[in-house]
Amino acid sequence: MTEFHSEIRSHAQSAMESLRGARESGDDYLASVREAELENLARLADEHGLRIPELAGFAASA
């Protein structure tokens, strides 16, 4: 795993944790921000051919 792959995966895990917390607390704005962040990370991972399971649900459908 490259450093880039590790960094994307780490960001994804942090964003997922934050998204869970936002949903649990009812913070719709933060949840929306985190979902957008995860979608961007999924796009970036896809552009670089990285498979990051945490981002599977956020990948853009073709």
Protein backbone atom coordinates (compact mmCIF):
# COMPACT_ATOMS: atom_id res chain seq x y z
CA MET A 1 0.00 0.00 0.00
CA THR A 2 1.40 3.37 -0.98
CA GLU A 3 1.50 6.38 1.28
CA PHE A 4 -1.16 8.01 -0.90
CA HIS A 5 -3.44 4.98 -0.53
CA SER A 6 -2.90 4.98 3.24
CA GLU A 7 -3.70 8.68 3.46
CA ILE A 8 -6.93 8.36 1.46
CA ARG A 9 -7.97 5.37 3.57
CA SER A 10 -7.21 7.26 6.80
CA HIS A 11 -9.24 10.27 5.64
CA ALA A 12 -12.10 7.96 4.68
CA GLN A 13 -12.14 6.29 8.08
CA SER A 14 -12.11 9.65 9.88
CA ALA A 15 -14.90 11.00 7.69
CA MET A 16 -16.97 7.84 8.26
CA GLU A 17 -16.61 8.21 12.04
CA SER A 18 -17.59 11.86 11.82
CA LEU A 19 -20.57 10.99 9.60
CA ARG A 20 -21.79 8.40 12.10
CA GLY A 21 -21.50 10.94 14.92
CA ALA A 22 -23.31 13.60 12.90
CA ARG A 23 -26.15 11.23 12.09
CA GLU A 24 -26.45 10.07 15.71
CA SER A 25 -26.60 13.65 16.97
CA GLY A 26 -29.01 14.78 14.24
CA ASP A 27 -26.55 17.25 12.70
CA ASP A 28 -27.84 17.17 9.13
CA TYR A 29 -25.45 19.84 7.90
CA LEU A 30 -22.33 18.05 9.13
CA ALA A 31 -23.68 14.75 7.78
CA SER A 32 -24.12 16.37 4.37
CA VAL A 33 -20.60 17.81 4.47
CA ARG A 34 -19.12 14.42 5.40
CA GLU A 35 -21.10 12.63 2.68
CA ALA A 36 -19.74 15.09 0.10
CA GLU A 37 -16.22 14.57 1.46
CA LEU A 38 -16.62 10.79 1.17
CA GLU A 39 -17.95 11.12 -2.39
CA ASN A 40 -14.90 13.22 -3.30
CA LEU A 41 -12.54 10.70 -1.70
CA ALA A 42 -14.28 7.89 -3.60
CA ARG A 43 -13.85 9.80 -6.87
CA LEU A 44 -10.19 10.46 -6.10
CA ALA A 45 -9.56 6.82 -5.19
CA ASP A 46 -11.28 5.68 -8.40
CA GLU A 47 -9.22 8.07 -10.53
CA HIS A 48 -6.06 6.52 -9.08
CA GLY A 49 -7.26 2.93 -9.29
CA LEU A 50 -7.42 2.46 -5.52
CA ARG A 51 -9.83 0.00 -3.92
CA ILE A 52 -11.01 1.33 -0.57
CA PRO A 53 -13.94 -0.71 0.77
CA GLU A 54 -15.08 2.07 3.14
CA LEU A 55 -15.83 4.24 0.11
CA ALA A 56 -17.82 1.67 -1.88
CA GLY A 57 -21.17 3.21 -0.93
CA PHE A 58 -20.04 6.69 -1.94
CA ALA A 59 -18.74 5.98 -5.43
CA ALA A 60 -20.57 7.73 -8.24
CA SER A 61 -22.74 5.43 -10.28
CA ALA A 62 -21.82 5.30 -13.95
